Amino acid sequence: MPRGPKGERRPADVISNAVKVMRIATGQEPEDYGPSPESEGKDPAAVALGRKGGRARAEALSKKRRKEIARKAAKERWSR
């Protein structure tokens, strides 16, 4: 079954999906996002760190190092 933008389950066919979105938009049906990472037994601190990991790494790297990483990635991408 397809998933919506936040991981919620949506109907597979177009008409049913449109009806579900309309019901959510008009308030006839609650928008449930499924279980949160904390409710699945994950450590809240680890979840918070995971959300900011890429940004924290980018801020910690110098401009020169970021450039080296980007150059290496582009070289690998275009070598295929």
C-alpha atoms as a PDB file:
ATOM      1  CA  MET A   1       0.000   0.000   0.000  1.00  0.00           C
ATOM      2  CA  PRO A   2       1.402   3.450  -0.864  1.00  0.00           C
ATOM      3  CA  ARG A   3       2.566   5.753   1.860  1.00  0.00           C
ATOM      4  CA  GLY A   4       1.907   9.457   2.206  1.00  0.00           C
ATOM      5  CA  PRO A   5       4.527  12.145   2.799  1.00  0.00           C
ATOM      6  CA  LYS A   6       4.867  11.331   6.500  1.00  0.00           C
ATOM      7  CA  GLY A   7       4.699   7.552   6.184  1.00  0.00           C
ATOM      8  CA  GLU A   8       0.944   7.150   6.658  1.00  0.00           C
ATOM      9  CA  ARG A   9      -0.815   4.469   4.677  1.00  0.00           C
ATOM     10  CA  ARG A  10      -2.963   5.613   1.760  1.00  0.00           C
ATOM     11  CA  PRO A  11      -5.320   3.714  -0.579  1.00  0.00           C
ATOM     12  CA  ALA A  12      -3.685   2.413  -3.754  1.00  0.00           C
ATOM     13  CA  ASP A  13      -6.295   3.552  -6.295  1.00  0.00           C
ATOM     14  CA  VAL A  14      -6.675   7.207  -7.260  1.00  0.00           C
ATOM     15  CA  ILE A  15     -10.376   7.647  -6.418  1.00  0.00           C
ATOM     16  CA  SER A  16     -10.095   6.141  -2.928  1.00  0.00           C
ATOM     17  CA  ASN A  17      -7.012   8.206  -2.253  1.00  0.00           C
ATOM     18  CA  ALA A  18      -8.790  11.405  -3.348  1.00  0.00           C
ATOM     19  CA  VAL A  19     -11.764  10.602  -1.114  1.00  0.00           C
ATOM     20  CA  LYS A  20      -9.464   9.931   1.858  1.00  0.00           C
ATOM     21  CA  VAL A  21      -7.568  13.200   1.318  1.00  0.00           C
ATOM     22  CA  MET A  22     -10.877  15.090   1.038  1.00  0.00           C
ATOM     23  CA  ARG A  23     -12.134  13.554   4.298  1.00  0.00           C
ATOM     24  CA  ILE A  24      -8.903  14.465   6.080  1.00  0.00           C
ATOM     25  CA  ALA A  25      -9.028  18.027   4.691  1.00  0.00           C
ATOM     26  CA  THR A  26     -12.632  18.533   5.814  1.00  0.00           C
ATOM     27  CA  GLY A  27     -12.019  17.020   9.235  1.00  0.00           C
ATOM     28  CA  GLN A  28     -14.306  14.012   8.769  1.00  0.00           C
ATOM     29  CA  GLU A  29     -11.401  11.624   9.307  1.00  0.00           C
ATOM     30  CA  PRO A  30      -8.374  12.071  11.562  1.00  0.00           C
ATOM     31  CA  GLU A  31      -4.972  12.155   9.932  1.00  0.00           C
ATOM     32  CA  ASP A  32      -2.995   9.426  11.634  1.00  0.00           C
ATOM     33  CA  TYR A  33       0.722   9.308  11.004  1.00  0.00           C
ATOM     34  CA  GLY A  34       1.325   5.872  12.465  1.00  0.00           C
ATOM     35  CA  PRO A  35       3.741   5.052  15.241  1.00  0.00           C
ATOM     36  CA  SER A  36       6.399   7.569  16.193  1.00  0.00           C
ATOM     37  CA  PRO A  37      10.023   6.461  16.527  1.00  0.00           C
ATOM     38  CA  GLU A  38       9.804   6.930  20.288  1.00  0.00           C
ATOM     39  CA  SER A  39       6.782   4.631  20.532  1.00  0.00           C
ATOM     40  CA  GLU A  40       8.658   1.975  18.562  1.00  0.00           C
ATOM     41  CA  GLY A  41      11.203   1.735  21.374  1.00  0.00           C
ATOM     42  CA  LYS A  42      13.875   4.007  19.916  1.00  0.00           C
ATOM     43  CA  ASP A  43      15.859   6.312  22.159  1.00  0.00           C
ATOM     44  CA  PRO A  44      14.486   9.882  21.839  1.00  0.00           C
ATOM     45  CA  ALA A  45      17.986  11.366  22.128  1.00  0.00           C
ATOM     46  CA  ALA A  46      19.230   9.175  19.275  1.00  0.00           C
ATOM     47  CA  VAL A  47      16.223  10.122  17.141  1.00  0.00           C
ATOM     48  CA  ALA A  48      16.906  13.826  17.763  1.00  0.00           C
ATOM     49  CA  LEU A  49      20.573  13.407  16.867  1.00  0.00           C
ATOM     50  CA  GLY A  50      19.658  11.543  13.699  1.00  0.00           C
ATOM     51  CA  ARG A  51      17.446  14.393  12.551  1.00  0.00           C
ATOM     52  CA  LYS A  52      20.220  16.942  12.806  1.00  0.00           C
ATOM     53  CA  GLY A  53      23.140  14.707  11.846  1.00  0.00           C
ATOM     54  CA  GLY A  54      23.734  15.891   8.286  1.00  0.00           C
ATOM     55  CA  ARG A  55      23.413  19.547   9.174  1.00  0.00           C
ATOM     56  CA  ALA A  56      25.730  19.198  12.186  1.00  0.00           C
ATOM     57  CA  ARG A  57      28.313  17.409  10.044  1.00  0.00           C
ATOM     58  CA  ALA A  58      28.139  20.081   7.341  1.00  0.00           C
ATOM     59  CA  GLU A  59      28.655  22.841   9.903  1.00  0.00           C
ATOM     60  CA  ALA A  60      31.609  21.016  11.457  1.00  0.00           C
ATOM     61  CA  LEU A  61      33.429  20.547   8.136  1.00  0.00           C
ATOM     62  CA  SER A  62      35.633  23.271   6.732  1.00  0.00           C
ATOM     63  CA  LYS A  63      34.912  24.704   3.308  1.00  0.00           C
ATOM     64  CA  LYS A  64      38.043  23.038   1.931  1.00  0.00           C
ATOM     65  CA  ARG A  65      37.057  19.598   3.275  1.00  0.00           C
ATOM     66  CA  ARG A  66      33.491  19.901   1.908  1.00  0.00           C
ATOM     67  CA  LYS A  67      34.968  20.770  -1.478  1.00  0.00           C
ATOM     68  CA  GLU A  68      37.226  17.694  -1.364  1.00  0.00           C
ATOM     69  CA  ILE A  69      34.289  15.431  -0.496  1.00  0.00           C
ATOM     70  CA  ALA A  70      32.145  16.924  -3.289  1.00  0.00           C
ATOM     71  CA  ARG A  71      34.962  16.562  -5.819  1.00  0.00           C
ATOM     72  CA  LYS A  72      35.525  12.911  -4.841  1.00  0.00           C
ATOM     73  CA  ALA A  73      31.777  12.174  -5.070  1.00  0.00           C
ATOM     74  CA  ALA A  74      31.469  13.810  -8.491  1.00  0.00           C
ATOM     75  CA  LYS A  75      34.498  11.908  -9.753  1.00  0.00           C
ATOM     76  CA  GLU A  76      32.985   8.618  -8.553  1.00  0.00           C
ATOM     77  CA  ARG A  77      29.580   9.474 -10.016  1.00  0.00           C
ATOM     78  CA  TRP A  78      30.937  10.346 -13.448  1.00  0.00           C
ATOM     79  CA  SER A  79      33.383   7.423 -13.605  1.00  0.00           C
ATOM     80  CA  ARG A  80      30.540   4.946 -14.149  1.00  0.00           C
END
